[in-house]
């Protein structure tokens, strides 16, 4: 195949010339892969014996070349080549050893990037999904991406609980280890709740789902033996963080109302970033929006704790009747 065709090694007098030639060759091979597999140029010349898994593995290096670039037109070619390679593969059939696209962990989280990440997740087997989720939760600093991963974890747990043969990766001890990364606050009660609101809401929704779906006597997910740790690492710090955040923003609202009387411009810090000077009435809207987010988190938190109390009380009564 032309992709594997060797080239005569040139002995450059200057190392930078040789490095530049190597870079141009890598870029050229990636472009050729894009033209063949995405644009379909001379695709009929490829041997039909090549399996979809082989083609994906073959294109991994070319995909990464594109994804490492910052130009939108080049970056998108990497996503197109990845999509083309993944669509050939059946869902849940991609073994975990194919977790090779490191650029997924660092590329800007564009809308299409997340769509391709979802496609990639769908193709992986259970162990591959589990490994990827752990890796992304450990490396991501984006609340929206973390919420996206947590929603995927919830989907996998749901599929496992509904299956006649539970996946060992999304029930029991393996799931408990994964939940340790989900049901926590990055910086405890000092966590910026506004900046992490997407992740926190996704975590609370996952916890609510687990409480509803898994009975304490069955404990398929391991949730009920971990409630004490979840309370200490997630629920209690979240209560404290909400109280501090609401007090802070209520004080900011009071201050903004006083500034509004003087008709001066003022600045505001939201989610750790200082916004440009704005009229006091606009600042008030931003502050009230933040308080609304805290109220929403607080309402879901209260519902989760209510469900936990109901389920534990019900289980206790059932066990008493059995005795």
C-alpha atoms as a PDB file:
ATOM      1  CA  UNK A   1       0.000   0.000   0.000  1.00  0.00           C
ATOM      2  CA  UNK A   2       1.101   3.543  -0.708  1.00  0.00           C
ATOM      3  CA  UNK A   3       0.748   4.406   3.015  1.00  0.00           C
ATOM      4  CA  UNK A   4       3.450   1.887   3.872  1.00  0.00           C
ATOM      5  CA  UNK A   5       5.699   2.779   0.947  1.00  0.00           C
ATOM      6  CA  UNK A   6       9.224   3.466   2.168  1.00  0.00           C
ATOM      7  CA  UNK A   7      11.357   6.428   1.237  1.00  0.00           C
ATOM      8  CA  UNK A   8      15.032   6.755   0.658  1.00  0.00           C
ATOM      9  CA  UNK A   9      16.773   8.144   3.723  1.00  0.00           C
ATOM     10  CA  UNK A  10      18.519  11.411   3.019  1.00  0.00           C
ATOM     11  CA  UNK A  11      21.562  12.482   4.965  1.00  0.00           C
ATOM     12  CA  UNK A  12      20.992  16.154   5.683  1.00  0.00           C
ATOM     13  CA  UNK A  13      23.868  18.314   6.827  1.00  0.00           C
ATOM     14  CA  UNK A  14      21.516  20.094   9.219  1.00  0.00           C
ATOM     15  CA  UNK A  15      19.271  18.227  11.674  1.00  0.00           C
ATOM     16  CA  UNK A  16      16.474  20.790  11.340  1.00  0.00           C
ATOM     17  CA  UNK A  17      16.140  19.968   7.624  1.00  0.00           C
ATOM     18  CA  UNK A  18      15.689  16.283   8.423  1.00  0.00           C
ATOM     19  CA  UNK A  19      13.137  17.055  11.156  1.00  0.00           C
ATOM     20  CA  UNK A  20      11.193  19.304   8.785  1.00  0.00           C
ATOM     21  CA  UNK A  21      11.162  16.584   6.133  1.00  0.00           C
ATOM     22  CA  UNK A  22       9.862  14.057   8.684  1.00  0.00           C
ATOM     23  CA  UNK A  23       7.110  16.463   9.761  1.00  0.00           C
ATOM     24  CA  UNK A  24       6.066  17.089   6.167  1.00  0.00           C
ATOM     25  CA  UNK A  25       5.909  13.349   5.522  1.00  0.00           C
ATOM     26  CA  UNK A  26       3.687  12.797   8.591  1.00  0.00           C
ATOM     27  CA  UNK A  27       1.361  15.621   7.520  1.00  0.00           C
ATOM     28  CA  UNK A  28       1.272  14.300   3.950  1.00  0.00           C
ATOM     29  CA  UNK A  29       0.383  10.758   5.047  1.00  0.00           C
ATOM     30  CA  UNK A  30      -2.406  12.094   7.284  1.00  0.00           C
ATOM     31  CA  UNK A  31      -3.765  14.167   4.393  1.00  0.00           C
ATOM     32  CA  UNK A  32      -3.611  11.140   2.094  1.00  0.00           C
ATOM     33  CA  UNK A  33      -5.550   9.056   4.636  1.00  0.00           C
ATOM     34  CA  UNK A  34      -8.199  11.795   4.792  1.00  0.00           C
ATOM     35  CA  UNK A  35      -8.515  11.928   0.989  1.00  0.00           C
ATOM     36  CA  UNK A  36      -8.829   8.145   0.676  1.00  0.00           C
ATOM     37  CA  UNK A  37     -11.122   7.286   3.598  1.00  0.00           C
ATOM     38  CA  UNK A  38     -13.225  10.451   3.969  1.00  0.00           C
ATOM     39  CA  UNK A  39     -13.296  11.815   0.420  1.00  0.00           C
ATOM     40  CA  UNK A  40     -13.280   8.315  -1.081  1.00  0.00           C
ATOM     41  CA  UNK A  41     -10.534   9.046  -3.611  1.00  0.00           C
ATOM     42  CA  UNK A  42      -9.246   5.695  -4.962  1.00  0.00           C
ATOM     43  CA  UNK A  43     -10.972   3.876  -2.082  1.00  0.00           C
ATOM     44  CA  UNK A  44     -11.853   1.099  -4.533  1.00  0.00           C
ATOM     45  CA  UNK A  45      -8.143   0.317  -4.838  1.00  0.00           C
ATOM     46  CA  UNK A  46      -7.887  -0.754  -1.182  1.00  0.00           C
ATOM     47  CA  UNK A  47      -7.988  -4.497  -0.396  1.00  0.00           C
ATOM     48  CA  UNK A  48     -11.431  -5.501   0.874  1.00  0.00           C
ATOM     49  CA  UNK A  49      -9.859  -7.949   3.348  1.00  0.00           C
ATOM     50  CA  UNK A  50      -8.919  -5.111   5.720  1.00  0.00           C
ATOM     51  CA  UNK A  51     -11.070  -5.261   8.862  1.00  0.00           C
ATOM     52  CA  UNK A  52     -12.725  -2.151  10.376  1.00  0.00           C
ATOM     53  CA  UNK A  53     -10.605  -2.590  13.524  1.00  0.00           C
ATOM     54  CA  UNK A  54      -7.416  -2.679  11.476  1.00  0.00           C
ATOM     55  CA  UNK A  55      -8.423   0.468   9.590  1.00  0.00           C
ATOM     56  CA  UNK A  56      -9.170   2.287  12.848  1.00  0.00           C
ATOM     57  CA  UNK A  57      -5.836   1.287  14.347  1.00  0.00           C
ATOM     58  CA  UNK A  58      -4.090   2.184  11.099  1.00  0.00           C
ATOM     59  CA  UNK A  59      -5.670   5.663  11.083  1.00  0.00           C
ATOM     60  CA  UNK A  60      -5.066   6.401  14.790  1.00  0.00           C
ATOM     61  CA  UNK A  61      -1.742   8.115  14.145  1.00  0.00           C
ATOM     62  CA  UNK A  62      -3.140  10.173  11.260  1.00  0.00           C
ATOM     63  CA  UNK A  63      -6.141  11.230  13.363  1.00  0.00           C
ATOM     64  CA  UNK A  64      -3.867  12.393  16.159  1.00  0.00           C
ATOM     65  CA  UNK A  65      -1.794  14.466  13.710  1.00  0.00           C
ATOM     66  CA  UNK A  66      -4.937  16.401  12.767  1.00  0.00           C
ATOM     67  CA  UNK A  67      -6.266  16.727  16.335  1.00  0.00           C
ATOM     68  CA  UNK A  68      -3.002  18.239  17.562  1.00  0.00           C
ATOM     69  CA  UNK A  69      -3.402  21.171  15.184  1.00  0.00           C
ATOM     70  CA  UNK A  70      -5.194  24.366  16.209  1.00  0.00           C
ATOM     71  CA  UNK A  71      -6.505  25.413  12.786  1.00  0.00           C
ATOM     72  CA  UNK A  72     -10.235  24.695  12.633  1.00  0.00           C
ATOM     73  CA  UNK A  73     -10.113  23.380   9.061  1.00  0.00           C
ATOM     74  CA  UNK A  74      -7.304  20.929   9.890  1.00  0.00           C
ATOM     75  CA  UNK A  75      -8.732  19.901  13.268  1.00  0.00           C
ATOM     76  CA  UNK A  76     -12.115  19.102  11.710  1.00  0.00           C
ATOM     77  CA  UNK A  77     -10.437  16.752   9.224  1.00  0.00           C
ATOM     78  CA  UNK A  78      -9.212  14.692  12.172  1.00  0.00           C
ATOM     79  CA  UNK A  79     -12.749  14.442  13.533  1.00  0.00           C
ATOM     80  CA  UNK A  80     -14.064  13.475  10.083  1.00  0.00           C
ATOM     81  CA  UNK A  81     -11.432  10.749   9.730  1.00  0.00           C
ATOM     82  CA  UNK A  82     -12.203   9.480  13.230  1.00  0.00           C
ATOM     83  CA  UNK A  83     -15.935   9.420  12.514  1.00  0.00           C
ATOM     84  CA  UNK A  84     -15.381   7.546   9.257  1.00  0.00           C
ATOM     85  CA  UNK A  85     -13.216   4.950  11.027  1.00  0.00           C
ATOM     86  CA  UNK A  86     -15.602   4.466  13.965  1.00  0.00           C
ATOM     87  CA  UNK A  87     -18.783   4.157  11.907  1.00  0.00           C
ATOM     88  CA  UNK A  88     -17.410   0.953  10.374  1.00  0.00           C
ATOM     89  CA  UNK A  89     -17.305  -0.721  13.808  1.00  0.00           C
ATOM     90  CA  UNK A  90     -20.172  -2.334  15.732  1.00  0.00           C
ATOM     91  CA  UNK A  91     -21.201  -0.814  19.071  1.00  0.00           C
ATOM     92  CA  UNK A  92     -19.590  -2.265  22.227  1.00  0.00           C
ATOM     93  CA  UNK A  93     -17.075  -4.264  20.177  1.00  0.00           C
ATOM     94  CA  UNK A  94     -13.967  -2.071  20.430  1.00  0.00           C
ATOM     95  CA  UNK A  95     -11.610  -3.631  22.974  1.00  0.00           C
ATOM     96  CA  UNK A  96     -10.097  -1.449  25.692  1.00  0.00           C
ATOM     97  CA  UNK A  97      -6.606  -1.825  24.225  1.00  0.00           C
ATOM     98  CA  UNK A  98      -7.696   0.504  21.420  1.00  0.00           C
ATOM     99  CA  UNK A  99      -7.783   3.457  23.842  1.00  0.00           C
ATOM    100  CA  UNK A 100      -5.040   5.222  21.932  1.00  0.00           C
ATOM    101  CA  UNK A 101      -6.363   8.654  20.968  1.00  0.00           C
ATOM    102  CA  UNK A 102      -4.583  10.707  23.629  1.00  0.00           C
ATOM    103  CA  UNK A 103      -5.544  13.982  21.957  1.00  0.00           C
ATOM    104  CA  UNK A 104      -9.124  13.521  23.204  1.00  0.00           C
ATOM    105  CA  UNK A 105      -7.859  14.468  26.656  1.00  0.00           C
ATOM    106  CA  UNK A 106      -6.452  17.833  25.600  1.00  0.00           C
ATOM    107  CA  UNK A 107      -8.338  19.090  22.537  1.00  0.00           C
ATOM    108  CA  UNK A 108     -10.753  22.023  22.884  1.00  0.00           C
ATOM    109  CA  UNK A 109     -14.200  20.645  23.690  1.00  0.00           C
ATOM    110  CA  UNK A 110     -16.013  21.726  20.563  1.00  0.00           C
ATOM    111  CA  UNK A 111     -19.531  20.473  19.935  1.00  0.00           C
ATOM    112  CA  UNK A 112     -18.399  18.049  17.242  1.00  0.00           C
ATOM    113  CA  UNK A 113     -15.536  16.868  19.469  1.00  0.00           C
ATOM    114  CA  UNK A 114     -18.056  15.727  22.079  1.00  0.00           C
ATOM    115  CA  UNK A 115     -20.181  14.086  19.388  1.00  0.00           C
ATOM    116  CA  UNK A 116     -17.154  12.091  18.228  1.00  0.00           C
ATOM    117  CA  UNK A 117     -16.242  11.282  21.823  1.00  0.00           C
ATOM    118  CA  UNK A 118     -19.756   9.896  22.297  1.00  0.00           C
ATOM    119  CA  UNK A 119     -19.383   7.801  19.149  1.00  0.00           C
ATOM    120  CA  UNK A 120     -16.029   6.526  20.422  1.00  0.00           C
ATOM    121  CA  UNK A 121     -17.586   5.648  23.803  1.00  0.00           C
ATOM    122  CA  UNK A 122     -20.401   3.754  22.076  1.00  0.00           C
ATOM    123  CA  UNK A 123     -17.925   1.571  20.192  1.00  0.00           C
ATOM    124  CA  UNK A 124     -15.822   0.609  23.237  1.00  0.00           C
ATOM    125  CA  UNK A 125     -16.450  -2.510  25.287  1.00  0.00           C
ATOM    126  CA  UNK A 126     -17.376  -2.152  28.981  1.00  0.00           C
ATOM    127  CA  UNK A 127     -13.798  -2.176  30.225  1.00  0.00           C
ATOM    128  CA  UNK A 128     -12.817   0.396  27.617  1.00  0.00           C
ATOM    129  CA  UNK A 129     -15.688   2.679  28.623  1.00  0.00           C
ATOM    130  CA  UNK A 130     -14.791   2.324  32.289  1.00  0.00           C
ATOM    131  CA  UNK A 131     -11.105   3.079  31.675  1.00  0.00           C
ATOM    132  CA  UNK A 132     -11.898   6.101  29.508  1.00  0.00           C
ATOM    133  CA  UNK A 133     -14.348   7.511  32.075  1.00  0.00           C
ATOM    134  CA  UNK A 134     -11.757   7.266  34.856  1.00  0.00           C
ATOM    135  CA  UNK A 135      -9.108   8.872  32.690  1.00  0.00           C
ATOM    136  CA  UNK A 136     -11.316  11.795  31.640  1.00  0.00           C
ATOM    137  CA  UNK A 137     -12.575  12.444  35.174  1.00  0.00           C
ATOM    138  CA  UNK A 138      -8.971  12.550  36.390  1.00  0.00           C
ATOM    139  CA  UNK A 139      -7.709  14.862  33.651  1.00  0.00           C
ATOM    140  CA  UNK A 140     -10.610  17.138  32.689  1.00  0.00           C
ATOM    141  CA  UNK A 141     -10.910  20.637  34.127  1.00  0.00           C
ATOM    142  CA  UNK A 142     -14.157  21.418  32.319  1.00  0.00           C
ATOM    143  CA  UNK A 143     -17.402  21.105  34.294  1.00  0.00           C
ATOM    144  CA  UNK A 144     -19.481  20.554  31.153  1.00  0.00           C
ATOM    145  CA  UNK A 145     -17.268  17.707  29.929  1.00  0.00           C
ATOM    146  CA  UNK A 146     -17.319  16.091  33.373  1.00  0.00           C
ATOM    147  CA  UNK A 147     -21.125  16.320  33.409  1.00  0.00           C
ATOM    148  CA  UNK A 148     -21.124  14.676  29.966  1.00  0.00           C
ATOM    149  CA  UNK A 149     -19.013  11.785  31.296  1.00  0.00           C
ATOM    150  CA  UNK A 150     -21.153  11.401  34.436  1.00  0.00           C
ATOM    151  CA  UNK A 151     -24.284  11.146  32.278  1.00  0.00           C
ATOM    152  CA  UNK A 152     -22.562   8.390  30.295  1.00  0.00           C
ATOM    153  CA  UNK A 153     -21.700   6.588  33.532  1.00  0.00           C
ATOM    154  CA  UNK A 154     -25.359   6.750  34.545  1.00  0.00           C
ATOM    155  CA  UNK A 155     -26.374   5.278  31.180  1.00  0.00           C
ATOM    156  CA  UNK A 156     -23.942   2.375  31.584  1.00  0.00           C
ATOM    157  CA  UNK A 157     -25.159   1.653  35.126  1.00  0.00           C
ATOM    158  CA  UNK A 158     -28.747   1.669  33.881  1.00  0.00           C
ATOM    159  CA  UNK A 159     -27.931  -0.786  31.086  1.00  0.00           C
ATOM    160  CA  UNK A 160     -26.076  -3.030  33.518  1.00  0.00           C
ATOM    161  CA  UNK A 161     -28.907  -3.093  36.079  1.00  0.00           C
ATOM    162  CA  UNK A 162     -31.445  -3.913  33.367  1.00  0.00           C
ATOM    163  CA  UNK A 163     -29.286  -6.685  31.918  1.00  0.00           C
ATOM    164  CA  UNK A 164     -29.649 -10.291  33.043  1.00  0.00           C
ATOM    165  CA  UNK A 165     -25.856 -10.419  33.313  1.00  0.00           C
ATOM    166  CA  UNK A 166     -24.555  -7.387  35.193  1.00  0.00           C
ATOM    167  CA  UNK A 167     -21.353  -5.787  33.943  1.00  0.00           C
ATOM    168  CA  UNK A 168     -18.659  -6.071  36.606  1.00  0.00           C
ATOM    169  CA  UNK A 169     -17.374  -2.667  35.516  1.00  0.00           C
ATOM    170  CA  UNK A 170     -20.561  -0.760  36.377  1.00  0.00           C
ATOM    171  CA  UNK A 171     -21.731  -2.582  39.499  1.00  0.00           C
ATOM    172  CA  UNK A 172     -20.106  -3.552  42.785  1.00  0.00           C
ATOM    173  CA  UNK A 173     -16.505  -2.676  43.752  1.00  0.00           C
ATOM    174  CA  UNK A 174     -15.477  -1.350  40.326  1.00  0.00           C
ATOM    175  CA  UNK A 175     -18.407   1.063  40.296  1.00  0.00           C
ATOM    176  CA  UNK A 176     -17.703   2.162  43.882  1.00  0.00           C
ATOM    177  CA  UNK A 177     -14.179   3.115  42.819  1.00  0.00           C
ATOM    178  CA  UNK A 178     -15.601   5.143  39.926  1.00  0.00           C
ATOM    179  CA  UNK A 179     -18.202   6.823  42.143  1.00  0.00           C
ATOM    180  CA  UNK A 180     -15.371   8.044  44.383  1.00  0.00           C
ATOM    181  CA  UNK A 181     -14.308  10.269  41.468  1.00  0.00           C
ATOM    182  CA  UNK A 182     -17.860  11.458  40.789  1.00  0.00           C
ATOM    183  CA  UNK A 183     -19.472  11.997  44.197  1.00  0.00           C
ATOM    184  CA  UNK A 184     -17.015  14.497  45.592  1.00  0.00           C
ATOM    185  CA  UNK A 185     -16.165  18.192  45.403  1.00  0.00           C
ATOM    186  CA  UNK A 186     -12.738  19.012  43.885  1.00  0.00           C
ATOM    187  CA  UNK A 187     -11.858  21.460  46.671  1.00  0.00           C
ATOM    188  CA  UNK A 188     -14.345  20.469  49.344  1.00  0.00           C
ATOM    189  CA  UNK A 189     -16.599  23.207  50.695  1.00  0.00           C
ATOM    190  CA  UNK A 190     -14.305  25.807  49.076  1.00  0.00           C
ATOM    191  CA  UNK A 191     -15.164  24.557  45.569  1.00  0.00           C
ATOM    192  CA  UNK A 192     -16.463  27.233  43.191  1.00  0.00           C
ATOM    193  CA  UNK A 193     -20.027  25.918  42.936  1.00  0.00           C
ATOM    194  CA  UNK A 194     -21.000  28.234  40.110  1.00  0.00           C
ATOM    195  CA  UNK A 195     -18.089  27.199  37.915  1.00  0.00           C
ATOM    196  CA  UNK A 196     -18.702  23.516  38.731  1.00  0.00           C
ATOM    197  CA  UNK A 197     -22.505  23.641  38.620  1.00  0.00           C
ATOM    198  CA  UNK A 198     -22.856  21.347  35.573  1.00  0.00           C
ATOM    199  CA  UNK A 199     -20.744  18.636  37.172  1.00  0.00           C
ATOM    200  CA  UNK A 200     -22.487  18.991  40.552  1.00  0.00           C
ATOM    201  CA  UNK A 201     -25.977  18.735  39.031  1.00  0.00           C
ATOM    202  CA  UNK A 202     -24.950  15.664  37.013  1.00  0.00           C
ATOM    203  CA  UNK A 203     -23.493  14.057  40.161  1.00  0.00           C
ATOM    204  CA  UNK A 204     -26.654  14.745  42.165  1.00  0.00           C
ATOM    205  CA  UNK A 205     -28.841  13.350  39.387  1.00  0.00           C
ATOM    206  CA  UNK A 206     -26.692  10.206  39.265  1.00  0.00           C
ATOM    207  CA  UNK A 207     -26.950   9.813  43.043  1.00  0.00           C
ATOM    208  CA  UNK A 208     -30.722  10.305  42.899  1.00  0.00           C
ATOM    209  CA  UNK A 209     -30.953   7.641  40.188  1.00  0.00           C
ATOM    210  CA  UNK A 210     -28.898   5.166  42.254  1.00  0.00           C
ATOM    211  CA  UNK A 211     -31.030   5.718  45.356  1.00  0.00           C
ATOM    212  CA  UNK A 212     -34.230   5.120  43.374  1.00  0.00           C
ATOM    213  CA  UNK A 213     -33.076   2.134  41.302  1.00  0.00           C
ATOM    214  CA  UNK A 214     -30.933   0.157  43.754  1.00  0.00           C
ATOM    215  CA  UNK A 215     -32.571  -1.302  46.862  1.00  0.00           C
ATOM    216  CA  UNK A 216     -30.549  -1.361  50.051  1.00  0.00           C
ATOM    217  CA  UNK A 217     -31.006  -5.119  50.483  1.00  0.00           C
ATOM    218  CA  UNK A 218     -29.817  -5.785  46.909  1.00  0.00           C
ATOM    219  CA  UNK A 219     -27.046  -3.157  46.916  1.00  0.00           C
ATOM    220  CA  UNK A 220     -25.949  -4.095  43.387  1.00  0.00           C
ATOM    221  CA  UNK A 221     -24.134  -0.795  42.920  1.00  0.00           C
ATOM    222  CA  UNK A 222     -22.459  -0.751  46.336  1.00  0.00           C
ATOM    223  CA  UNK A 223     -24.105   2.608  47.040  1.00  0.00           C
ATOM    224  CA  UNK A 224     -25.645   1.706  50.380  1.00  0.00           C
ATOM    225  CA  UNK A 225     -22.390   0.580  51.976  1.00  0.00           C
ATOM    226  CA  UNK A 226     -20.735   3.822  50.830  1.00  0.00           C
ATOM    227  CA  UNK A 227     -23.348   6.301  52.074  1.00  0.00           C
ATOM    228  CA  UNK A 228     -21.205   7.446  55.000  1.00  0.00           C
ATOM    229  CA  UNK A 229     -18.280   8.284  52.721  1.00  0.00           C
ATOM    230  CA  UNK A 230     -20.566   9.964  50.180  1.00  0.00           C
ATOM    231  CA  UNK A 231     -22.043  12.087  52.949  1.00  0.00           C
ATOM    232  CA  UNK A 232     -18.622  13.198  54.199  1.00  0.00           C
ATOM    233  CA  UNK A 233     -17.011  13.751  50.785  1.00  0.00           C
ATOM    234  CA  UNK A 234     -19.949  15.180  48.859  1.00  0.00           C
ATOM    235  CA  UNK A 235     -23.231  15.968  50.623  1.00  0.00           C
ATOM    236  CA  UNK A 236     -21.915  17.731  53.744  1.00  0.00           C
ATOM    237  CA  UNK A 237     -19.290  19.843  51.902  1.00  0.00           C
ATOM    238  CA  UNK A 238     -21.949  20.735  49.332  1.00  0.00           C
ATOM    239  CA  UNK A 239     -24.259  21.999  52.090  1.00  0.00           C
ATOM    240  CA  UNK A 240     -21.442  24.110  53.521  1.00  0.00           C
ATOM    241  CA  UNK A 241     -20.440  25.398  50.100  1.00  0.00           C
ATOM    242  CA  UNK A 242     -24.014  26.384  49.271  1.00  0.00           C
ATOM    243  CA  UNK A 243     -24.391  28.289  52.536  1.00  0.00           C
ATOM    244  CA  UNK A 244     -21.134  30.194  51.974  1.00  0.00           C
ATOM    245  CA  UNK A 245     -21.837  30.876  48.297  1.00  0.00           C
ATOM    246  CA  UNK A 246     -25.370  32.115  48.902  1.00  0.00           C
ATOM    247  CA  UNK A 247     -24.195  34.376  51.730  1.00  0.00           C
ATOM    248  CA  UNK A 248     -21.454  35.790  49.495  1.00  0.00           C
ATOM    249  CA  UNK A 249     -23.747  36.506  46.553  1.00  0.00           C
ATOM    250  CA  UNK A 250     -26.486  37.940  48.755  1.00  0.00           C
ATOM    251  CA  UNK A 251     -23.893  40.349  50.166  1.00  0.00           C
ATOM    252  CA  UNK A 252     -22.828  41.209  46.605  1.00  0.00           C
ATOM    253  CA  UNK A 253     -26.454  41.913  45.688  1.00  0.00           C
ATOM    254  CA  UNK A 254     -26.809  44.242  48.661  1.00  0.00           C
ATOM    255  CA  UNK A 255     -23.598  46.019  47.682  1.00  0.00           C
ATOM    256  CA  UNK A 256     -24.727  46.271  44.054  1.00  0.00           C
ATOM    257  CA  UNK A 257     -28.036  47.800  45.097  1.00  0.00           C
ATOM    258  CA  UNK A 258     -26.163  50.450  47.046  1.00  0.00           C
ATOM    259  CA  UNK A 259     -23.908  51.144  44.061  1.00  0.00           C
ATOM    260  CA  UNK A 260     -26.972  51.393  41.833  1.00  0.00           C
ATOM    261  CA  UNK A 261     -28.159  54.369  43.854  1.00  0.00           C
ATOM    262  CA  UNK A 262     -24.937  56.203  43.000  1.00  0.00           C
ATOM    263  CA  UNK A 263     -25.329  55.425  39.259  1.00  0.00           C
ATOM    264  CA  UNK A 264     -21.666  54.298  39.043  1.00  0.00           C
ATOM    265  CA  UNK A 265     -20.258  51.440  36.976  1.00  0.00           C
ATOM    266  CA  UNK A 266     -18.913  48.445  38.864  1.00  0.00           C
ATOM    267  CA  UNK A 267     -17.127  45.149  38.250  1.00  0.00           C
ATOM    268  CA  UNK A 268     -18.105  41.649  39.306  1.00  0.00           C
ATOM    269  CA  UNK A 269     -16.320  38.316  39.647  1.00  0.00           C
ATOM    270  CA  UNK A 270     -18.319  35.255  38.574  1.00  0.00           C
ATOM    271  CA  UNK A 271     -16.960  31.730  38.362  1.00  0.00           C
ATOM    272  CA  UNK A 272     -13.473  32.969  39.228  1.00  0.00           C
ATOM    273  CA  UNK A 273     -13.379  35.446  36.327  1.00  0.00           C
ATOM    274  CA  UNK A 274     -13.787  39.200  36.572  1.00  0.00           C
ATOM    275  CA  UNK A 275     -16.298  40.519  34.085  1.00  0.00           C
ATOM    276  CA  UNK A 276     -15.903  43.952  32.448  1.00  0.00           C
ATOM    277  CA  UNK A 277     -17.419  46.983  34.129  1.00  0.00           C
ATOM    278  CA  UNK A 278     -21.179  46.894  33.745  1.00  0.00           C
ATOM    279  CA  UNK A 279     -24.191  48.906  34.827  1.00  0.00           C
ATOM    280  CA  UNK A 280     -25.487  47.968  38.309  1.00  0.00           C
ATOM    281  CA  UNK A 281     -28.792  46.675  36.908  1.00  0.00           C
ATOM    282  CA  UNK A 282     -26.891  44.224  34.687  1.00  0.00           C
ATOM    283  CA  UNK A 283     -24.737  43.174  37.619  1.00  0.00           C
ATOM    284  CA  UNK A 284     -27.862  42.447  39.649  1.00  0.00           C
ATOM    285  CA  UNK A 285     -29.157  40.155  36.899  1.00  0.00           C
ATOM    286  CA  UNK A 286     -25.893  38.188  36.926  1.00  0.00           C
ATOM    287  CA  UNK A 287     -25.936  37.881  40.717  1.00  0.00           C
ATOM    288  CA  UNK A 288     -29.568  36.775  40.831  1.00  0.00           C
ATOM    289  CA  UNK A 289     -28.833  34.213  38.114  1.00  0.00           C
ATOM    290  CA  UNK A 290     -26.063  32.787  40.313  1.00  0.00           C
ATOM    291  CA  UNK A 291     -28.433  32.583  43.284  1.00  0.00           C
ATOM    292  CA  UNK A 292     -30.980  30.785  41.103  1.00  0.00           C
ATOM    293  CA  UNK A 293     -28.309  28.186  40.239  1.00  0.00           C
ATOM    294  CA  UNK A 294     -27.558  27.663  43.938  1.00  0.00           C
ATOM    295  CA  UNK A 295     -31.276  27.297  44.706  1.00  0.00           C
ATOM    296  CA  UNK A 296     -31.591  24.698  41.955  1.00  0.00           C
ATOM    297  CA  UNK A 297     -28.651  22.690  43.324  1.00  0.00           C
ATOM    298  CA  UNK A 298     -30.073  22.980  46.836  1.00  0.00           C
ATOM    299  CA  UNK A 299     -33.499  21.703  45.771  1.00  0.00           C
ATOM    300  CA  UNK A 300     -32.031  18.618  44.072  1.00  0.00           C
ATOM    301  CA  UNK A 301     -29.760  18.017  47.075  1.00  0.00           C
ATOM    302  CA  UNK A 302     -32.760  18.163  49.425  1.00  0.00           C
ATOM    303  CA  UNK A 303     -34.669  15.703  47.231  1.00  0.00           C
ATOM    304  CA  UNK A 304     -31.732  13.271  47.195  1.00  0.00           C
ATOM    305  CA  UNK A 305     -31.434  13.349  50.981  1.00  0.00           C
ATOM    306  CA  UNK A 306     -35.190  12.898  51.314  1.00  0.00           C
ATOM    307  CA  UNK A 307     -35.079   9.823  49.061  1.00  0.00           C
ATOM    308  CA  UNK A 308     -32.180   8.352  51.046  1.00  0.00           C
ATOM    309  CA  UNK A 309     -34.127   8.797  54.279  1.00  0.00           C
ATOM    310  CA  UNK A 310     -37.276   7.224  52.801  1.00  0.00           C
ATOM    311  CA  UNK A 311     -35.402   4.216  51.373  1.00  0.00           C
ATOM    312  CA  UNK A 312     -33.377   3.526  54.535  1.00  0.00           C
ATOM    313  CA  UNK A 313     -36.490   3.824  56.723  1.00  0.00           C
ATOM    314  CA  UNK A 314     -38.460   1.509  54.422  1.00  0.00           C
ATOM    315  CA  UNK A 315     -35.675  -1.082  54.401  1.00  0.00           C
ATOM    316  CA  UNK A 316     -35.377  -0.926  58.181  1.00  0.00           C
ATOM    317  CA  UNK A 317     -39.115  -1.551  58.576  1.00  0.00           C
ATOM    318  CA  UNK A 318     -39.015  -4.479  56.130  1.00  0.00           C
ATOM    319  CA  UNK A 319     -36.128  -6.096  57.997  1.00  0.00           C
ATOM    320  CA  UNK A 320     -37.967  -5.630  61.307  1.00  0.00           C
ATOM    321  CA  UNK A 321     -41.084  -7.355  59.925  1.00  0.00           C
ATOM    322  CA  UNK A 322     -39.000 -10.286  58.671  1.00  0.00           C
ATOM    323  CA  UNK A 323     -37.517 -10.787  62.130  1.00  0.00           C
END
